[in-house]
Protein backbone atom coordinates (compact mmCIF):
# COMPACT_ATOMS: atom_id res chain seq x y z
CA MET A 1 -3.64 5.74 18.52
CA LYS A 2 -5.62 7.05 15.24
CA ALA A 3 -2.71 7.84 13.41
CA LYS A 4 -1.06 4.35 14.12
CA LEU A 5 -4.52 2.74 13.25
CA LEU A 6 -4.85 4.80 9.99
CA LEU A 7 -1.26 4.34 8.93
CA LEU A 8 -1.69 0.51 9.67
CA LEU A 9 -5.05 0.39 7.35
CA THR A 10 -3.30 2.78 4.83
CA LEU A 11 -0.32 0.33 4.60
CA VAL A 12 -2.42 -2.89 4.22
CA CYS A 13 -4.07 -1.13 1.26
CA ILE A 14 -0.56 0.30 0.09
CA SER A 15 0.94 -2.88 0.45
CA PHE A 16 0.00 -6.78 0.84
CA TYR A 17 3.34 -7.78 2.39
CA SER A 18 3.37 -6.19 6.21
CA ASN A 19 6.08 -8.73 7.38
CA ALA A 20 9.10 -7.04 5.63
CA GLN A 21 9.04 -3.83 8.26
CA THR A 22 7.68 -2.96 11.53
CA LYS A 23 4.79 -0.67 11.49
CA GLU A 24 7.18 1.78 13.73
CA ALA A 25 9.60 1.60 10.75
CA LEU A 26 7.37 2.36 8.07
CA LYS A 27 5.65 5.26 10.29
CA ASN A 28 8.84 7.02 10.50
CA SER A 29 9.44 6.14 6.75
CA THR A 30 9.67 8.83 3.95
CA PRO A 31 7.41 8.47 0.90
CA GLU A 32 10.42 7.87 -1.14
CA GLN A 33 11.41 4.90 1.34
CA ARG A 34 7.91 3.38 1.37
CA ALA A 35 7.65 3.42 -2.54
CA LYS A 36 11.06 1.79 -2.91
CA TRP A 37 10.06 -0.78 -0.28
CA LEU A 38 6.88 -1.70 -1.87
CA THR A 39 8.17 -1.55 -5.42
CA ASP A 40 11.24 -4.08 -4.04
CA THR A 41 8.43 -6.15 -2.75
CA MET A 42 6.39 -6.33 -5.74
CA GLN A 43 9.53 -6.96 -7.99
CA THR A 44 10.24 -10.20 -5.90
CA THR A 45 6.59 -11.22 -5.91
CA LEU A 46 5.43 -10.57 -9.38
CA HIS A 47 8.73 -10.46 -11.19
CA LEU A 48 8.90 -7.26 -12.65
CA ASN A 49 10.91 -6.39 -15.58
CA ALA A 50 13.24 -3.27 -15.52
CA ASP A 51 10.57 -1.27 -17.47
CA GLN A 52 7.86 -2.41 -15.12
CA TYR A 53 9.67 -1.58 -11.99
CA SER A 54 10.35 2.03 -13.02
CA LYS A 55 6.90 2.67 -13.87
CA ILE A 56 5.28 0.89 -10.74
CA TYR A 57 7.96 2.73 -8.43
CA SER A 58 6.91 6.06 -10.14
CA ILE A 59 3.13 5.05 -9.40
CA ASN A 60 4.11 3.91 -5.81
CA LEU A 61 6.04 7.41 -4.85
CA ALA A 62 3.27 9.48 -6.29
CA PHE A 63 0.74 7.60 -3.91
CA ALA A 64 2.90 7.44 -0.96
CA GLN A 65 3.73 11.43 -1.55
CA LYS A 66 -0.14 12.10 -1.80
CA THR A 67 -1.23 9.81 1.28
CA GLN A 68 1.60 11.59 3.58
CA PRO A 69 -0.38 14.54 4.58
CA ILE A 70 -3.42 12.53 4.72
CA ILE A 71 -1.92 10.15 7.18
CA GLN A 72 -0.65 13.15 9.11
CA SER A 73 -3.81 15.19 9.32
CA ASP A 74 -6.46 15.45 11.98
CA ASP A 75 -9.30 14.29 9.96
CA SER A 76 -11.42 11.43 11.13
CA LYS A 77 -10.49 7.86 10.47
CA PHE A 78 -13.54 7.65 7.88
CA SER A 79 -12.57 10.69 6.19
CA LYS A 80 -9.09 9.60 5.70
CA PHE A 81 -9.98 6.05 4.86
CA LYS A 82 -11.99 7.41 2.13
CA GLN A 83 -9.56 9.81 0.73
CA VAL A 84 -6.86 7.02 0.79
CA LYS A 85 -9.17 4.42 -0.77
CA GLU A 86 -10.20 6.75 -3.81
CA MET A 87 -6.17 7.04 -4.57
CA GLN A 88 -5.76 3.21 -4.26
CA ASP A 89 -8.44 2.53 -6.66
CA LYS A 90 -6.57 4.93 -9.00
CA ARG A 91 -3.27 3.40 -8.27
CA ASP A 92 -4.66 -0.35 -8.91
CA GLU A 93 -5.80 1.03 -12.19
CA ASP A 94 -2.57 2.20 -13.14
CA PHE A 95 -1.11 -1.08 -12.23
CA LYS A 96 -3.50 -3.02 -14.33
CA ALA A 97 -2.14 -0.94 -17.63
CA ILE A 98 1.77 -1.99 -16.45
CA LEU A 99 1.35 -5.48 -15.14
CA THR A 100 0.43 -8.58 -17.42
CA LYS A 101 -2.72 -10.20 -16.58
CA ASP A 102 -1.21 -12.92 -14.46
CA GLN A 103 0.91 -10.38 -12.63
CA TYR A 104 -2.27 -8.37 -12.00
CA LYS A 105 -4.29 -11.45 -10.73
CA LEU A 106 -1.35 -12.23 -8.36
CA TYR A 107 -1.42 -9.00 -7.30
CA GLU A 108 -4.99 -8.90 -6.27
CA GLU A 109 -4.86 -12.25 -4.61
CA LYS A 110 -1.78 -11.00 -2.46
CA LYS A 111 -3.66 -7.90 -1.46
CA ASP A 112 -7.08 -9.59 -0.93
CA ALA A 113 -5.38 -12.05 1.42
CA MET A 114 -3.36 -9.37 3.18
CA ILE A 115 -6.70 -7.41 3.92
CA GLY A 116 -8.14 -10.63 5.03
CA THR A 117 -5.67 -11.08 7.60
CA MET A 118 -5.53 -7.51 8.69
CA LYS A 119 -9.50 -7.90 9.36
CA GLU A 120 -9.04 -10.92 11.37
CA LYS A 121 -6.33 -9.45 13.48
CA TYR A 122 -8.60 -6.21 14.05
CA LYS A 123 -11.49 -8.21 15.08
CA ASN A 124 -9.51 -10.20 17.53
CA LYS A 125 -8.33 -7.09 19.22
CA GLN A 126 -11.73 -5.84 19.91
């Protein structure tokens, strides 16, 4: 249960589009698959050009590879969240350097909306 909750929380922060794949499919996916899925989703929403796509994919892949052992570890939920959050902040800064101002604004809006949705779902389950 801990792993599923952490994975869900991680994926919310990784992605602002949870409806494209089920949680189970994401749990069983490789970092490469998660990076490609997220980058493809960002391309559709943010209209990335080829250069942006390549750079964003590299960032997403590195992030997915770094988070894999954290997700699978036996650390506490708080510890995992803290580790992933630090990496997310770095990743967002990298995105900011690649995306246009309008693209980054839209990215932030979508991410914030998804986090709000997930918080509501979590509240309703308790």
